Amino acid sequence: MSDEPTNDLVDGALADEIELVSDLVVAASTSPRHFTPEEIDALLGVSREDRDGPLGSEPVG
């Protein structure tokens, strides 16, 4: 093994998304039913406007 740096990429946004997904998986595993889209948004800490953009606008992406 080498002691040289590996130059691994660190993506903070990806790490945040992985944490959100893991939180959602844990919440879903304790629920006896499927979550509604609104419940998922609440668990992820996003509002409909965050997800869809301002009301009346086209979604981005």
Protein backbone atom coordinates (compact mmCIF):
# COMPACT_ATOMS: atom_id res chain seq x y z
CA MET A 1 0.00 0.00 0.00
CA SER A 2 1.17 3.50 -0.78
CA ASP A 3 1.16 6.44 1.62
CA GLU A 4 0.51 8.84 -1.27
CA PRO A 5 -2.79 10.75 -1.37
CA THR A 6 -5.49 9.03 -3.42
CA ASN A 7 -7.08 12.25 -4.67
CA ASP A 8 -10.52 10.87 -3.82
CA LEU A 9 -13.33 13.16 -4.81
CA VAL A 10 -15.53 14.43 -2.01
CA ASP A 11 -18.96 15.64 -3.04
CA GLY A 12 -20.73 17.41 -0.18
CA ALA A 13 -24.05 17.61 -2.04
CA LEU A 14 -23.97 13.89 -2.78
CA ALA A 15 -23.19 13.12 0.86
CA ASP A 16 -26.18 15.25 1.92
CA GLU A 17 -28.45 13.43 -0.53
CA ILE A 18 -27.27 10.04 0.71
CA GLU A 19 -28.04 11.11 4.28
CA LEU A 20 -31.55 12.25 3.27
CA VAL A 21 -32.23 8.96 1.49
CA SER A 22 -31.01 6.96 4.47
CA ASP A 23 -33.27 9.00 6.79
CA LEU A 24 -36.19 8.29 4.46
CA VAL A 25 -35.41 4.55 4.37
CA VAL A 26 -35.32 4.41 8.17
CA ALA A 27 -38.64 6.27 8.42
CA ALA A 28 -40.23 4.03 5.78
CA SER A 29 -39.03 0.87 7.49
CA THR A 30 -40.93 1.80 10.64
CA SER A 31 -44.18 2.64 8.85
CA PRO A 32 -46.88 0.06 8.14
CA ARG A 33 -48.01 1.93 5.00
CA HIS A 34 -46.67 3.88 2.05
CA PHE A 35 -45.95 7.58 2.50
CA THR A 36 -47.81 10.20 0.50
CA PRO A 37 -45.70 12.63 -1.56
CA GLU A 38 -46.48 15.33 1.00
CA GLU A 39 -45.23 13.12 3.85
CA ILE A 40 -42.04 12.38 1.92
CA ASP A 41 -41.49 16.10 1.36
CA ALA A 42 -41.98 16.72 5.09
CA LEU A 43 -39.52 13.94 6.00
CA LEU A 44 -36.96 15.38 3.61
CA GLY A 45 -37.55 18.91 4.85
CA VAL A 46 -38.64 20.34 1.52
CA SER A 47 -41.73 22.26 0.56
CA ARG A 48 -43.71 21.87 -2.63
CA GLU A 49 -42.25 25.19 -3.82
CA ASP A 50 -38.72 23.88 -3.19
CA ARG A 51 -39.52 20.75 -5.18
CA ASP A 52 -41.52 22.25 -8.05
CA GLY A 53 -40.30 25.84 -8.10
CA PRO A 54 -42.63 28.79 -7.57
CA LEU A 55 -46.26 27.93 -8.09
CA GLY A 56 -47.29 28.38 -11.68
CA SER A 57 -43.79 27.90 -13.06
CA GLU A 58 -42.39 24.97 -14.96
CA PRO A 59 -40.26 22.51 -12.94
CA VAL A 60 -36.53 22.86 -13.47
CA GLY A 61 -34.54 19.85 -14.62
